[in-house]
Amino acid sequence: MLYRIRERALHLRPHINTVIAQPGLSAAACSSEQQQHFLAGAHSYVKVLAEGTFTVHCSP
């Protein structure tokens, strides 16, 4: 059974969900261009390399 799992694993692609909690970040008041670029870069990295999703939870 372990050999069958190993054989199947070669054809499977994991789906990665990246979630970041930023309680100090306000979505309405996010004016820091550097912080916005950082989050955009992290989103691009996850989307391109991991082919997954990227979510940021912050204060409204």
C-alpha atoms as a PDB file:
ATOM      1  CA  MET A   1       0.000   0.000   0.000  1.00  0.00           C
ATOM      2  CA  LEU A   2       2.872   2.366   0.762  1.00  0.00           C
ATOM      3  CA  TYR A   3       4.292   1.808  -2.726  1.00  0.00           C
ATOM      4  CA  ARG A   4       0.922   2.659  -4.280  1.00  0.00           C
ATOM      5  CA  ILE A   5       0.754   5.884  -2.288  1.00  0.00           C
ATOM      6  CA  ARG A   6       4.258   6.778  -3.403  1.00  0.00           C
ATOM      7  CA  GLU A   7       3.328   6.143  -7.046  1.00  0.00           C
ATOM      8  CA  ARG A   8       0.227   8.351  -6.786  1.00  0.00           C
ATOM      9  CA  ALA A   9       2.137  11.121  -5.003  1.00  0.00           C
ATOM     10  CA  LEU A  10       4.185  11.765  -8.130  1.00  0.00           C
ATOM     11  CA  HIS A  11       1.017  12.878  -9.946  1.00  0.00           C
ATOM     12  CA  LEU A  12      -0.530  14.960  -7.157  1.00  0.00           C
ATOM     13  CA  ARG A  13      -0.056  18.704  -6.734  1.00  0.00           C
ATOM     14  CA  PRO A  14      -0.545  20.171  -3.250  1.00  0.00           C
ATOM     15  CA  HIS A  15      -2.751  23.246  -2.855  1.00  0.00           C
ATOM     16  CA  ILE A  16      -1.320  25.755  -0.406  1.00  0.00           C
ATOM     17  CA  ASN A  17      -3.462  28.391   1.321  1.00  0.00           C
ATOM     18  CA  THR A  18      -1.401  31.154   2.927  1.00  0.00           C
ATOM     19  CA  VAL A  19      -3.219  33.234   5.540  1.00  0.00           C
ATOM     20  CA  ILE A  20      -1.634  36.191   7.340  1.00  0.00           C
ATOM     21  CA  ALA A  21      -3.272  37.856  10.360  1.00  0.00           C
ATOM     22  CA  GLN A  22      -2.300  41.518  10.728  1.00  0.00           C
ATOM     23  CA  PRO A  23      -4.369  42.917  13.638  1.00  0.00           C
ATOM     24  CA  GLY A  24      -2.417  46.204  13.661  1.00  0.00           C
ATOM     25  CA  LEU A  25      -3.063  46.846   9.965  1.00  0.00           C
ATOM     26  CA  SER A  26      -6.138  48.838   9.042  1.00  0.00           C
ATOM     27  CA  ALA A  27      -7.469  48.185   5.543  1.00  0.00           C
ATOM     28  CA  ALA A  28      -9.036  51.658   5.371  1.00  0.00           C
ATOM     29  CA  ALA A  29      -5.954  53.498   6.595  1.00  0.00           C
ATOM     30  CA  CYS A  30      -3.234  51.460   4.897  1.00  0.00           C
ATOM     31  CA  SER A  31      -1.241  54.265   3.350  1.00  0.00           C
ATOM     32  CA  SER A  32       2.234  52.866   3.740  1.00  0.00           C
ATOM     33  CA  GLU A  33       3.399  52.232   0.185  1.00  0.00           C
ATOM     34  CA  GLN A  34       6.181  49.996   1.495  1.00  0.00           C
ATOM     35  CA  GLN A  35       3.672  47.819   3.363  1.00  0.00           C
ATOM     36  CA  GLN A  36       1.419  47.589   0.298  1.00  0.00           C
ATOM     37  CA  HIS A  37       4.380  46.573  -1.875  1.00  0.00           C
ATOM     38  CA  PHE A  38       5.402  43.948   0.686  1.00  0.00           C
ATOM     39  CA  LEU A  39       1.915  42.378   0.695  1.00  0.00           C
ATOM     40  CA  ALA A  40       1.689  42.529  -3.114  1.00  0.00           C
ATOM     41  CA  GLY A  41       5.090  40.837  -3.390  1.00  0.00           C
ATOM     42  CA  ALA A  42       4.073  38.107  -0.950  1.00  0.00           C
ATOM     43  CA  HIS A  43       0.854  37.572  -2.904  1.00  0.00           C
ATOM     44  CA  SER A  44       2.739  37.271  -6.202  1.00  0.00           C
ATOM     45  CA  TYR A  45       5.264  34.864  -4.672  1.00  0.00           C
ATOM     46  CA  VAL A  46       2.558  32.539  -3.336  1.00  0.00           C
ATOM     47  CA  LYS A  47       0.528  32.689  -6.552  1.00  0.00           C
ATOM     48  CA  VAL A  48       3.445  32.031  -8.923  1.00  0.00           C
ATOM     49  CA  LEU A  49       5.561  29.546  -6.979  1.00  0.00           C
ATOM     50  CA  ALA A  50       3.017  27.686  -4.895  1.00  0.00           C
ATOM     51  CA  GLU A  51       0.011  28.171  -7.190  1.00  0.00           C
ATOM     52  CA  GLY A  52      -2.006  28.796  -4.069  1.00  0.00           C
ATOM     53  CA  THR A  53      -4.107  31.466  -2.462  1.00  0.00           C
ATOM     54  CA  PHE A  54      -3.051  34.383  -0.290  1.00  0.00           C
ATOM     55  CA  THR A  55      -5.308  36.086   2.247  1.00  0.00           C
ATOM     56  CA  VAL A  56      -4.595  38.908   4.700  1.00  0.00           C
ATOM     57  CA  HIS A  57      -6.899  39.364   7.686  1.00  0.00           C
ATOM     58  CA  CYS A  58      -6.717  42.849   9.169  1.00  0.00           C
ATOM     59  CA  SER A  59      -8.797  45.453  10.971  1.00  0.00           C
ATOM     60  CA  PRO A  60     -11.506  47.108   8.840  1.00  0.00           C
END
